[in-house]
Protein backbone atom coordinates (compact mmCIF):
# COMPACT_ATOMS: atom_id res chain seq x y z
CA MET A 1 19.07 -48.01 -1.08
CA LYS A 2 20.59 -44.51 -1.40
CA ARG A 3 18.34 -43.79 -4.40
CA LEU A 4 15.24 -44.85 -2.47
CA ILE A 5 16.13 -42.62 0.48
CA CYS A 6 16.93 -39.70 -1.86
CA GLY A 7 13.67 -40.24 -3.75
CA LEU A 8 11.62 -40.32 -0.55
CA THR A 9 13.39 -37.22 0.72
CA VAL A 10 12.58 -35.33 -2.50
CA LEU A 11 8.93 -36.44 -2.34
CA MET A 12 8.66 -35.31 1.29
CA MET A 13 10.19 -31.94 0.41
CA LEU A 14 7.76 -31.48 -2.50
CA TRP A 15 4.81 -32.39 -0.29
CA ALA A 16 5.96 -30.02 2.46
CA SER A 17 6.38 -27.24 -0.09
CA ALA A 18 2.92 -27.86 -1.56
CA ALA A 19 1.37 -27.91 1.91
CA ALA A 20 3.12 -24.68 2.86
CA ASP A 21 1.90 -23.00 -0.33
CA GLY A 22 -1.69 -23.99 0.36
CA ILE A 23 -1.89 -26.43 -2.57
CA PHE A 24 -2.70 -29.31 -0.24
CA ARG A 25 -6.25 -28.87 1.09
CA VAL A 26 -8.43 -31.17 3.21
CA ALA A 27 -12.14 -30.88 2.50
CA VAL A 28 -14.46 -30.92 5.51
CA ASP A 29 -18.22 -30.78 5.31
CA GLU A 30 -19.67 -28.29 7.81
CA ASN A 31 -22.01 -31.08 8.96
CA ASP A 32 -19.08 -33.37 9.83
CA LEU A 33 -17.28 -31.52 12.61
CA SER A 34 -16.78 -34.55 14.93
CA ILE A 35 -19.13 -33.08 17.52
CA CYS A 36 -19.15 -35.00 20.79
CA PRO A 37 -22.90 -35.49 21.49
CA GLU A 38 -22.51 -36.50 25.16
CA LEU A 39 -21.60 -33.01 26.38
CA ASP A 40 -23.89 -30.78 28.43
CA GLU A 41 -26.00 -28.78 25.95
CA ALA A 42 -26.31 -25.92 28.45
CA TRP A 43 -22.83 -24.85 27.32
CA ARG A 44 -22.39 -23.23 23.91
CA ASN A 45 -18.80 -23.63 22.68
CA ILE A 46 -17.35 -21.28 20.06
CA LEU A 47 -13.87 -21.56 18.56
CA LEU A 48 -12.05 -18.20 18.43
CA MET A 49 -9.23 -18.13 15.89
CA GLY A 50 -6.62 -15.46 15.25
CA SER A 51 -5.20 -16.01 11.78
CA ASP A 52 -1.68 -14.98 10.77
CA ASN A 53 -3.20 -14.08 7.40
CA ARG A 54 -2.65 -10.52 6.20
CA GLY A 55 -5.07 -10.53 3.27
CA LYS A 56 -8.82 -10.27 2.86
CA ASN A 57 -9.42 -14.03 2.65
CA LEU A 58 -9.84 -15.11 6.26
CA THR A 59 -9.56 -18.82 5.45
CA ASP A 60 -5.88 -18.63 4.50
CA GLY A 61 -2.96 -18.81 6.87
CA ARG A 62 -2.59 -20.57 10.19
CA ALA A 63 -4.63 -20.14 13.34
CA ASP A 64 -1.84 -18.79 15.50
CA SER A 65 -4.26 -18.07 18.31
CA LEU A 66 -6.87 -20.65 19.31
CA MET A 67 -9.34 -20.23 22.15
CA VAL A 68 -12.53 -22.03 23.09
CA CYS A 69 -15.17 -19.65 24.43
CA SER A 70 -17.79 -21.50 26.46
CA ILE A 71 -20.98 -19.65 27.38
CA HIS A 72 -23.56 -21.13 29.74
CA ARG A 73 -26.95 -20.60 28.08
CA GLU A 74 -28.83 -20.11 31.37
CA THR A 75 -26.42 -18.29 33.68
CA GLY A 76 -24.37 -16.34 31.12
CA GLU A 77 -21.14 -17.60 32.70
CA VAL A 78 -18.23 -17.38 30.26
CA ARG A 79 -15.13 -19.56 30.27
CA LEU A 80 -12.10 -19.25 27.99
CA LEU A 81 -9.61 -21.98 27.19
CA SER A 82 -6.45 -21.06 25.31
CA LEU A 83 -4.94 -23.84 23.20
CA ALA A 84 -1.22 -24.19 22.59
CA ARG A 85 -0.82 -23.75 18.84
CA ASP A 86 2.07 -26.20 18.75
CA MET A 87 0.13 -29.23 20.05
CA TYR A 88 1.06 -32.06 17.71
CA ILE A 89 -2.09 -33.92 16.62
CA PRO A 90 -3.36 -36.19 13.86
CA ILE A 91 -4.92 -33.91 11.22
CA PRO A 92 -8.50 -35.12 10.58
CA ASN A 93 -9.25 -36.50 7.10
CA ALA A 94 -5.50 -36.59 6.34
CA ARG A 95 -2.88 -39.27 6.77
CA PHE A 96 -0.42 -37.25 8.76
CA SER A 97 0.07 -35.33 12.00
CA ASP A 98 1.08 -31.71 12.42
CA LYS A 99 0.70 -28.77 14.80
CA ILE A 100 -2.94 -28.09 15.66
CA ASN A 101 -2.82 -24.56 14.19
CA THR A 102 -1.95 -25.89 10.72
CA ALA A 103 -5.39 -27.53 10.42
CA PHE A 104 -6.65 -24.04 9.53
CA ARG A 105 -4.04 -23.80 6.75
CA TYR A 106 -4.91 -27.22 5.35
CA GLY A 107 -8.69 -26.89 5.42
CA GLY A 108 -9.95 -23.61 6.82
CA PRO A 109 -12.21 -23.09 9.82
CA TYR A 110 -14.17 -26.34 9.50
CA LEU A 111 -11.04 -28.50 9.55
CA GLN A 112 -9.77 -26.45 12.50
CA ILE A 113 -13.04 -27.02 14.40
CA LYS A 114 -12.95 -30.74 13.57
CA ALA A 115 -9.34 -30.96 14.80
CA VAL A 116 -10.18 -29.25 18.10
CA ASN A 117 -13.36 -31.32 18.59
CA GLU A 118 -11.50 -34.59 17.97
CA THR A 119 -8.53 -33.62 20.14
CA LEU A 120 -10.53 -32.31 23.12
CA LYS A 121 -13.81 -34.23 22.69
CA LEU A 122 -15.86 -31.01 22.36
CA ASN A 123 -19.04 -29.99 20.56
CA ILE A 124 -17.94 -26.83 18.77
CA ALA A 125 -20.05 -25.91 15.75
CA GLU A 126 -19.49 -22.15 15.62
CA TYR A 127 -16.40 -20.04 15.10
CA VAL A 128 -15.02 -16.52 14.83
CA VAL A 129 -11.91 -15.66 12.78
CA ILE A 130 -9.95 -12.45 12.98
CA ASN A 131 -6.66 -11.51 11.33
CA PHE A 132 -4.17 -8.68 11.84
CA TYR A 133 -6.34 -6.05 10.12
CA GLY A 134 -9.47 -7.15 11.94
CA PHE A 135 -7.66 -6.86 15.25
CA CYS A 136 -6.67 -3.28 14.39
CA ASP A 137 -10.29 -2.50 13.50
CA VAL A 138 -11.54 -3.92 16.82
CA ILE A 139 -9.08 -1.76 18.76
CA ASP A 140 -10.12 1.32 16.73
CA ARG A 141 -13.84 0.63 17.38
CA LEU A 142 -13.15 0.35 21.09
CA GLY A 143 -11.58 3.80 21.10
CA GLY A 144 -8.01 2.95 20.16
CA VAL A 145 -4.89 2.80 22.25
CA GLU A 146 -2.54 5.71 22.70
CA ILE A 147 1.10 5.02 23.41
CA GLU A 148 4.01 7.39 23.48
CA LEU A 149 6.82 6.50 21.08
CA SER A 150 10.30 7.87 20.77
CA ARG A 151 11.33 9.03 17.32
CA SER A 152 13.48 5.92 16.81
CA GLU A 153 10.61 3.62 17.87
CA ALA A 154 8.22 5.30 15.40
CA ILE A 155 10.79 4.98 12.59
CA TYR A 156 11.38 1.30 13.39
CA ILE A 157 7.66 0.44 13.46
CA ASN A 158 6.94 2.38 10.26
CA ASN A 159 9.75 0.52 8.48
CA ALA A 160 8.26 -2.79 9.64
CA MET A 161 4.95 -1.78 8.04
CA ALA A 162 6.56 -2.26 4.60
CA GLU A 163 5.57 -5.93 4.85
CA VAL A 164 1.95 -4.96 5.43
CA ARG A 165 1.93 -2.58 2.45
CA ARG A 166 3.06 -5.38 0.12
CA TYR A 167 -0.26 -7.15 0.55
CA GLY A 168 -2.22 -4.11 -0.62
CA ASP A 169 -5.49 -5.22 1.01
CA ALA A 170 -5.44 -2.56 3.70
CA GLU A 171 -3.70 0.72 4.28
CA PRO A 172 -1.79 0.70 7.56
CA LYS A 173 -1.76 3.78 9.72
CA ARG A 174 1.43 5.78 9.97
CA LEU A 175 2.75 6.24 13.50
CA THR A 176 4.32 9.41 14.78
CA ASN A 177 6.16 10.26 17.96
CA GLY A 178 3.58 12.90 18.88
CA ALA A 179 5.45 15.66 17.10
CA GLY A 180 3.59 15.01 13.83
């Protein structure tokens, strides 16, 4: 019995490791998103995803931020629903459950949409993904944000940027305390 338990434990650890490394992938056809057809078609639902990915490939990582943006086609009314990333759900097309944000890791945006549609009975067919670099670009395009930093705060933040530099896909900006 001990051998069986040890063997199962090792298999579970190997599977968890493979899933974490992105080896395990769930294929989802973009035409099979579990769309709920009974919903009011006046509302256009779009899944907004903020990925924890730091590279150029936006389909890697987890969707650490999930929001449903609903736009009324006639009135222009906009509604936003923020989803808790730690909701534990059955992962579509897989034989296990996990946090809702890991659907993105296991199968990209289409699996994430399918997971949200099945969990909330929605009709999402469109999505937007942004990662850390994209978020910085959006802020820059909107005119940026100026904040005053002490010398120690600037040093701390610049040291934290070492992680970003390791990925090599983007060049982070260097912060100063206003004194150059």
